[in-house]
Amino acid sequence: MPNKEIKKEVEEIKEIMDEIIADTSVPRNIRRAIEEAKEKIAEIDAVNIGAAIYILDDISADINMPDHTRTEVWQLISMLEAVKEKVK
């Protein structure tokens, strides 16, 4: 069972994801991938967090992604990697 600190970090990550999902300037396929990654981290364990990181890493190279969103995706990956280390 994850501690409060990890849960708080995951909630912050979900909030950033929600902002990207709500941003209509972001292509639909990218918003869909962010939503899929968000669903993965609902269950806080190393495997699901790893899957979410993989999804985000995969879309980070999308040429249609706005630059500000790419920066946010990289930030999400970094935050998820930190959470994954704590969960292990």
N, C-alpha and C. Protein backbone atom coordinates (compact mmCIF):
# COMPACT_ATOMS: atom_id res chain seq x y z
N MET A 1 0.85 -1.19 0.00
CA MET A 1 0.00 0.00 0.00
C MET A 1 0.88 1.25 0.00
N PRO A 2 0.72 2.10 -1.00
CA PRO A 2 1.55 3.30 -1.08
C PRO A 2 1.28 4.28 0.06
N ASN A 3 2.32 4.96 0.48
CA ASN A 3 2.13 5.92 1.57
C ASN A 3 1.52 7.22 1.05
N LYS A 4 1.22 8.13 1.99
CA LYS A 4 0.53 9.38 1.64
C LYS A 4 1.35 10.24 0.68
N GLU A 5 2.67 10.25 0.87
CA GLU A 5 3.54 11.07 0.02
C GLU A 5 3.45 10.60 -1.44
N ILE A 6 3.50 9.29 -1.64
CA ILE A 6 3.41 8.75 -3.00
C ILE A 6 2.04 9.05 -3.60
N LYS A 7 0.98 8.87 -2.80
CA LYS A 7 -0.38 9.16 -3.30
C LYS A 7 -0.50 10.62 -3.70
N LYS A 8 0.09 11.52 -2.90
CA LYS A 8 0.03 12.95 -3.20
C LYS A 8 0.75 13.25 -4.52
N GLU A 9 1.92 12.63 -4.72
CA GLU A 9 2.67 12.84 -5.96
C GLU A 9 1.88 12.34 -7.17
N VAL A 10 1.23 11.18 -7.01
CA VAL A 10 0.44 10.62 -8.10
C VAL A 10 -0.74 11.54 -8.41
N GLU A 11 -1.35 12.12 -7.38
CA GLU A 11 -2.46 13.06 -7.61
C GLU A 11 -1.99 14.28 -8.39
N GLU A 12 -0.78 14.79 -8.07
CA GLU A 12 -0.22 15.92 -8.80
C GLU A 12 -0.01 15.55 -10.27
N ILE A 13 0.49 14.34 -10.51
CA ILE A 13 0.72 13.86 -11.87
C ILE A 13 -0.61 13.79 -12.62
N LYS A 14 -1.64 13.27 -11.95
CA LYS A 14 -2.97 13.17 -12.59
C LYS A 14 -3.53 14.55 -12.92
N GLU A 15 -3.28 15.53 -12.07
CA GLU A 15 -3.76 16.89 -12.34
C GLU A 15 -3.11 17.46 -13.61
N ILE A 16 -1.81 17.25 -13.76
CA ILE A 16 -1.10 17.71 -14.96
C ILE A 16 -1.67 16.99 -16.19
N MET A 17 -1.90 15.68 -16.04
CA MET A 17 -2.48 14.91 -17.14
C MET A 17 -3.85 15.45 -17.52
N ASP A 18 -4.66 15.78 -16.51
CA ASP A 18 -6.00 16.33 -16.77
C ASP A 18 -5.93 17.64 -17.55
N GLU A 19 -4.93 18.47 -17.21
CA GLU A 19 -4.76 19.74 -17.92
C GLU A 19 -4.44 19.50 -19.39
N ILE A 20 -3.58 18.51 -19.66
CA ILE A 20 -3.22 18.20 -21.05
C ILE A 20 -4.44 17.64 -21.78
N ILE A 21 -5.18 16.75 -21.12
CA ILE A 21 -6.37 16.14 -21.73
C ILE A 21 -7.41 17.20 -22.08
N ALA A 22 -7.51 18.23 -21.24
CA ALA A 22 -8.50 19.29 -21.47
C ALA A 22 -8.04 20.31 -22.51
N ASP A 23 -6.76 20.31 -22.88
CA ASP A 23 -6.21 21.28 -23.82
C ASP A 23 -6.56 20.87 -25.26
N THR A 24 -7.45 21.64 -25.87
CA THR A 24 -7.90 21.29 -27.22
C THR A 24 -6.85 21.57 -28.30
N SER A 25 -5.76 22.25 -27.95
CA SER A 25 -4.70 22.47 -28.94
C SER A 25 -3.80 21.24 -29.08
N VAL A 26 -3.99 20.27 -28.19
CA VAL A 26 -3.22 19.02 -28.23
C VAL A 26 -3.99 18.04 -29.11
N PRO A 27 -3.30 17.41 -30.08
CA PRO A 27 -3.98 16.44 -30.94
C PRO A 27 -4.68 15.33 -30.15
N ARG A 28 -5.79 14.86 -30.70
CA ARG A 28 -6.63 13.87 -30.03
C ARG A 28 -5.88 12.59 -29.69
N ASN A 29 -5.01 12.11 -30.58
CA ASN A 29 -4.29 10.86 -30.31
C ASN A 29 -3.36 11.01 -29.09
N ILE A 30 -2.80 12.19 -28.92
CA ILE A 30 -1.92 12.43 -27.78
C ILE A 30 -2.74 12.51 -26.49
N ARG A 31 -3.88 13.19 -26.56
CA ARG A 31 -4.75 13.27 -25.37
C ARG A 31 -5.24 11.87 -24.98
N ARG A 32 -5.54 11.05 -25.98
CA ARG A 32 -5.98 9.67 -25.71
C ARG A 32 -4.87 8.88 -25.01
N ALA A 33 -3.64 9.04 -25.48
CA ALA A 33 -2.51 8.33 -24.88
C ALA A 33 -2.28 8.79 -23.44
N ILE A 34 -2.42 10.09 -23.19
CA ILE A 34 -2.28 10.62 -21.84
C ILE A 34 -3.36 10.02 -20.94
N GLU A 35 -4.57 9.92 -21.47
CA GLU A 35 -5.67 9.34 -20.70
C GLU A 35 -5.40 7.87 -20.37
N GLU A 36 -4.84 7.15 -21.35
CA GLU A 36 -4.49 5.74 -21.13
C GLU A 36 -3.41 5.61 -20.04
N ALA A 37 -2.42 6.49 -20.09
CA ALA A 37 -1.37 6.48 -19.07
C ALA A 37 -1.96 6.81 -17.69
N LYS A 38 -2.92 7.73 -17.66
CA LYS A 38 -3.57 8.10 -16.40
C LYS A 38 -4.32 6.91 -15.81
N GLU A 39 -4.99 6.14 -16.66
CA GLU A 39 -5.69 4.95 -16.19
C GLU A 39 -4.72 3.93 -15.62
N LYS A 40 -3.55 3.82 -16.22
CA LYS A 40 -2.53 2.86 -15.74
C LYS A 40 -2.09 3.20 -14.31
N ILE A 41 -1.93 4.49 -14.02
CA ILE A 41 -1.40 4.84 -12.70
C ILE A 41 -2.48 4.88 -11.61
N ALA A 42 -3.72 4.53 -11.98
CA ALA A 42 -4.77 4.43 -10.96
C ALA A 42 -4.38 3.36 -9.94
N GLU A 43 -3.73 2.33 -10.44
CA GLU A 43 -3.19 1.26 -9.59
C GLU A 43 -1.71 1.58 -9.39
N ILE A 44 -1.35 2.00 -8.18
CA ILE A 44 0.01 2.46 -7.92
C ILE A 44 0.92 1.27 -7.63
N ASP A 45 1.54 0.74 -8.70
CA ASP A 45 2.57 -0.28 -8.54
C ASP A 45 3.60 -0.09 -9.66
N ALA A 46 4.78 -0.68 -9.47
CA ALA A 46 5.90 -0.44 -10.38
C ALA A 46 5.58 -0.84 -11.82
N VAL A 47 4.83 -1.92 -12.01
CA VAL A 47 4.52 -2.40 -13.35
C VAL A 47 3.63 -1.40 -14.09
N ASN A 48 2.55 -0.95 -13.45
CA ASN A 48 1.64 0.00 -14.09
C ASN A 48 2.29 1.36 -14.31
N ILE A 49 3.10 1.79 -13.37
CA ILE A 49 3.80 3.06 -13.54
C ILE A 49 4.79 2.94 -14.71
N GLY A 50 5.45 1.80 -14.80
CA GLY A 50 6.36 1.54 -15.92
C GLY A 50 5.62 1.58 -17.26
N ALA A 51 4.42 1.01 -17.28
CA ALA A 51 3.60 1.02 -18.50
C ALA A 51 3.21 2.44 -18.87
N ALA A 52 2.87 3.25 -17.88
CA ALA A 52 2.50 4.65 -18.13
C ALA A 52 3.71 5.43 -18.68
N ILE A 53 4.87 5.18 -18.11
CA ILE A 53 6.10 5.83 -18.59
C ILE A 53 6.35 5.46 -20.05
N TYR A 54 6.16 4.18 -20.37
CA TYR A 54 6.36 3.71 -21.74
C TYR A 54 5.42 4.43 -22.71
N ILE A 55 4.16 4.55 -22.33
CA ILE A 55 3.16 5.23 -23.18
C ILE A 55 3.58 6.69 -23.41
N LEU A 56 3.96 7.37 -22.32
CA LEU A 56 4.34 8.78 -22.43
C LEU A 56 5.61 8.95 -23.26
N ASP A 57 6.56 8.05 -23.05
CA ASP A 57 7.82 8.12 -23.80
C ASP A 57 7.55 7.92 -25.29
N ASP A 58 6.63 7.01 -25.59
CA ASP A 58 6.29 6.71 -26.97
C ASP A 58 5.70 7.94 -27.68
N ILE A 59 4.82 8.67 -26.99
CA ILE A 59 4.20 9.84 -27.64
C ILE A 59 5.07 11.09 -27.60
N SER A 60 6.11 11.09 -26.77
CA SER A 60 6.94 12.30 -26.64
C SER A 60 7.66 12.65 -27.95
N ALA A 61 7.79 11.68 -28.84
CA ALA A 61 8.46 11.92 -30.12
C ALA A 61 7.49 12.32 -31.24
N ASP A 62 6.20 12.41 -30.92
CA ASP A 62 5.18 12.75 -31.92
C ASP A 62 5.44 14.16 -32.46
N ILE A 63 5.58 14.27 -33.76
CA ILE A 63 5.90 15.59 -34.37
C ILE A 63 4.74 16.57 -34.29
N ASN A 64 3.53 16.07 -34.06
CA ASN A 64 2.37 16.96 -33.97
C ASN A 64 2.14 17.54 -32.58
N MET A 65 2.95 17.12 -31.62
CA MET A 65 2.75 17.58 -30.25
C MET A 65 3.26 19.02 -30.09
N PRO A 66 2.43 19.89 -29.51
CA PRO A 66 2.90 21.26 -29.24
C PRO A 66 4.10 21.23 -28.27
N ASP A 67 5.01 22.18 -28.45
CA ASP A 67 6.24 22.20 -27.64
C ASP A 67 5.94 22.26 -26.13
N HIS A 68 4.96 23.09 -25.73
CA HIS A 68 4.67 23.19 -24.30
C HIS A 68 4.16 21.87 -23.74
N THR A 69 3.45 21.11 -24.56
CA THR A 69 2.94 19.81 -24.12
C THR A 69 4.08 18.81 -24.01
N ARG A 70 5.01 18.85 -24.95
CA ARG A 70 6.17 17.95 -24.92
C ARG A 70 6.95 18.15 -23.61
N THR A 71 7.13 19.41 -23.24
CA THR A 71 7.82 19.71 -21.98
C THR A 71 7.06 19.12 -20.79
N GLU A 72 5.74 19.25 -20.80
CA GLU A 72 4.92 18.68 -19.72
C GLU A 72 5.02 17.16 -19.70
N VAL A 73 5.04 16.53 -20.88
CA VAL A 73 5.15 15.07 -20.95
C VAL A 73 6.50 14.62 -20.38
N TRP A 74 7.56 15.33 -20.72
CA TRP A 74 8.87 14.99 -20.16
C TRP A 74 8.86 15.15 -18.63
N GLN A 75 8.19 16.18 -18.16
CA GLN A 75 8.07 16.40 -16.71
C GLN A 75 7.30 15.23 -16.08
N LEU A 76 6.22 14.80 -16.72
CA LEU A 76 5.43 13.68 -16.21
C LEU A 76 6.28 12.41 -16.14
N ILE A 77 7.06 12.16 -17.19
CA ILE A 77 7.92 10.97 -17.21
C ILE A 77 8.89 11.02 -16.04
N SER A 78 9.50 12.17 -15.83
CA SER A 78 10.45 12.34 -14.73
C SER A 78 9.78 12.09 -13.38
N MET A 79 8.59 12.67 -13.20
CA MET A 79 7.86 12.50 -11.94
C MET A 79 7.47 11.04 -11.72
N LEU A 80 7.02 10.38 -12.79
CA LEU A 80 6.63 8.97 -12.68
C LEU A 80 7.83 8.07 -12.37
N GLU A 81 8.98 8.39 -12.96
CA GLU A 81 10.18 7.60 -12.66
C GLU A 81 10.56 7.72 -11.19
N ALA A 82 10.42 8.93 -10.63
CA ALA A 82 10.70 9.13 -9.21
C ALA A 82 9.73 8.34 -8.34
N VAL A 83 8.45 8.34 -8.70
CA VAL A 83 7.45 7.58 -7.95
C VAL A 83 7.74 6.09 -8.06
N LYS A 84 8.10 5.65 -9.26
CA LYS A 84 8.38 4.22 -9.47
C LYS A 84 9.52 3.76 -8.55
N GLU A 85 10.56 4.59 -8.41
CA GLU A 85 11.67 4.23 -7.52
C GLU A 85 11.21 4.10 -6.07
N LYS A 86 10.30 4.95 -5.65
CA LYS A 86 9.79 4.91 -4.28
C LYS A 86 8.89 3.70 -4.04
N VAL A 87 8.19 3.27 -5.10
CA VAL A 87 7.24 2.15 -4.98
C VAL A 87 7.97 0.81 -4.91
N LYS A 88 9.11 0.72 -5.58
CA LYS A 88 9.86 -0.55 -5.65
C LYS A 88 10.13 -1.14 -4.29
